[in-house]
């Protein structure tokens, strides 16, 4: 299996685990949770 395929599986696995732990229904909800928790901050407009 090529390295990029293994990396893709790893990313999917991490996303799935985060969704399960945070009870998120999809990736978009993970983004919302990240902003709400302060993990991600909005980029100021230039």
N, C-alpha and C. Protein backbone atom coordinates (compact mmCIF):
# COMPACT_ATOMS: atom_id res chain seq x y z
N UNK A 1 0.85 -1.18 0.00
CA UNK A 1 0.00 0.00 0.00
C UNK A 1 0.89 1.25 0.00
N UNK A 2 0.65 2.18 -0.92
CA UNK A 2 1.46 3.40 -0.97
C UNK A 2 1.32 4.24 0.30
N UNK A 3 2.36 4.99 0.59
CA UNK A 3 2.40 5.81 1.80
C UNK A 3 1.21 6.77 1.88
N UNK A 4 0.80 7.38 0.76
CA UNK A 4 -0.30 8.34 0.79
C UNK A 4 -1.61 7.68 1.17
N UNK A 5 -1.81 6.44 0.77
CA UNK A 5 -3.03 5.73 1.16
C UNK A 5 -3.04 5.46 2.65
N UNK A 6 -1.89 5.07 3.21
CA UNK A 6 -1.81 4.83 4.66
C UNK A 6 -2.06 6.13 5.42
N UNK A 7 -1.50 7.23 4.92
CA UNK A 7 -1.68 8.52 5.58
C UNK A 7 -3.16 8.92 5.55
N UNK A 8 -3.81 8.69 4.42
CA UNK A 8 -5.23 9.01 4.31
C UNK A 8 -6.07 8.21 5.28
N UNK A 9 -5.74 6.94 5.45
CA UNK A 9 -6.46 6.10 6.40
C UNK A 9 -6.25 6.61 7.81
N UNK A 10 -5.04 7.04 8.11
CA UNK A 10 -4.72 7.55 9.44
C UNK A 10 -5.53 8.82 9.74
N UNK A 11 -5.61 9.71 8.77
CA UNK A 11 -6.38 10.94 8.94
C UNK A 11 -7.85 10.61 9.17
N UNK A 12 -8.39 9.71 8.36
CA UNK A 12 -9.79 9.31 8.53
C UNK A 12 -10.02 8.70 9.91
N UNK A 13 -9.07 7.92 10.36
CA UNK A 13 -9.19 7.29 11.67
C UNK A 13 -9.21 8.34 12.78
N UNK A 14 -8.32 9.32 12.70
CA UNK A 14 -8.27 10.38 13.72
C UNK A 14 -9.56 11.20 13.71
N UNK A 15 -10.05 11.52 12.53
CA UNK A 15 -11.29 12.29 12.42
C UNK A 15 -12.44 11.50 13.03
N UNK A 16 -12.51 10.21 12.71
CA UNK A 16 -13.58 9.36 13.24
C UNK A 16 -13.53 9.32 14.77
N UNK A 17 -12.32 9.18 15.32
CA UNK A 17 -12.18 9.15 16.79
C UNK A 17 -12.62 10.46 17.42
N UNK A 18 -12.23 11.58 16.81
CA UNK A 18 -12.63 12.89 17.33
C UNK A 18 -14.14 13.05 17.28
N UNK A 19 -14.75 12.61 16.17
CA UNK A 19 -16.20 12.71 16.04
C UNK A 19 -16.89 11.88 17.11
N UNK A 20 -16.37 10.69 17.37
CA UNK A 20 -16.96 9.81 18.37
C UNK A 20 -16.82 10.42 19.77
N UNK A 21 -15.63 10.89 20.12
CA UNK A 21 -15.40 11.44 21.46
C UNK A 21 -16.20 12.71 21.71
N UNK A 22 -16.38 13.53 20.67
CA UNK A 22 -17.09 14.80 20.83
C UNK A 22 -18.56 14.71 20.45
N UNK A 23 -18.99 13.51 20.08
CA UNK A 23 -20.39 13.28 19.68
C UNK A 23 -20.80 14.21 18.53
N UNK A 24 -19.88 14.40 17.58
CA UNK A 24 -20.15 15.24 16.42
C UNK A 24 -20.75 14.38 15.31
N UNK A 25 -21.70 14.94 14.59
CA UNK A 25 -22.37 14.14 13.53
C UNK A 25 -21.61 14.18 12.21
N UNK A 26 -20.74 15.22 12.01
CA UNK A 26 -19.97 15.31 10.78
C UNK A 26 -18.76 16.21 10.98
N UNK A 27 -17.94 16.32 9.92
CA UNK A 27 -16.72 17.13 10.02
C UNK A 27 -17.03 18.60 10.25
N UNK A 28 -18.10 19.07 9.66
CA UNK A 28 -18.47 20.48 9.84
C UNK A 28 -18.73 20.78 11.31
N UNK A 29 -19.37 19.86 12.00
CA UNK A 29 -19.63 20.06 13.42
C UNK A 29 -18.31 20.05 14.21
N UNK A 30 -17.33 19.26 13.78
CA UNK A 30 -16.02 19.29 14.42
C UNK A 30 -15.40 20.69 14.31
N UNK A 31 -15.57 21.32 13.16
CA UNK A 31 -15.04 22.68 12.96
C UNK A 31 -15.74 23.65 13.91
N UNK A 32 -17.05 23.55 14.01
CA UNK A 32 -17.81 24.42 14.91
C UNK A 32 -17.34 24.24 16.35
N UNK A 33 -17.17 22.99 16.77
CA UNK A 33 -16.70 22.70 18.13
C UNK A 33 -15.31 23.29 18.35
N UNK A 34 -14.45 23.20 17.35
CA UNK A 34 -13.09 23.75 17.48
C UNK A 34 -13.14 25.26 17.69
N UNK A 35 -14.00 25.97 16.95
CA UNK A 35 -14.13 27.41 17.13
C UNK A 35 -14.74 27.73 18.49
N UNK A 36 -15.79 27.04 18.87
CA UNK A 36 -16.47 27.31 20.13
C UNK A 36 -15.57 27.06 21.33
N UNK A 37 -14.68 26.09 21.24
CA UNK A 37 -13.80 25.76 22.36
C UNK A 37 -12.57 26.65 22.41
N UNK A 38 -12.34 27.45 21.35
CA UNK A 38 -11.17 28.31 21.30
C UNK A 38 -9.94 27.62 20.74
N UNK A 39 -10.09 26.38 20.31
CA UNK A 39 -8.97 25.65 19.70
C UNK A 39 -8.54 26.33 18.41
N UNK A 40 -9.51 26.89 17.69
CA UNK A 40 -9.25 27.61 16.45
C UNK A 40 -9.81 29.02 16.61
N UNK A 41 -9.05 30.00 16.16
CA UNK A 41 -9.51 31.39 16.23
C UNK A 41 -9.70 31.91 14.82
N UNK A 42 -10.73 32.72 14.60
CA UNK A 42 -10.95 33.28 13.26
C UNK A 42 -9.76 34.14 12.83
N UNK A 43 -9.43 34.06 11.56
CA UNK A 43 -8.35 34.88 11.00
C UNK A 43 -8.90 36.29 10.78
N UNK A 44 -8.23 37.31 11.30
CA UNK A 44 -8.71 38.69 11.09
C UNK A 44 -8.64 39.04 9.60
N UNK A 45 -9.62 39.80 9.15
CA UNK A 45 -9.63 40.21 7.75
C UNK A 45 -8.51 41.22 7.51
N UNK A 46 -7.89 41.10 6.36
CA UNK A 46 -6.75 41.99 6.04
C UNK A 46 -7.23 43.34 5.58
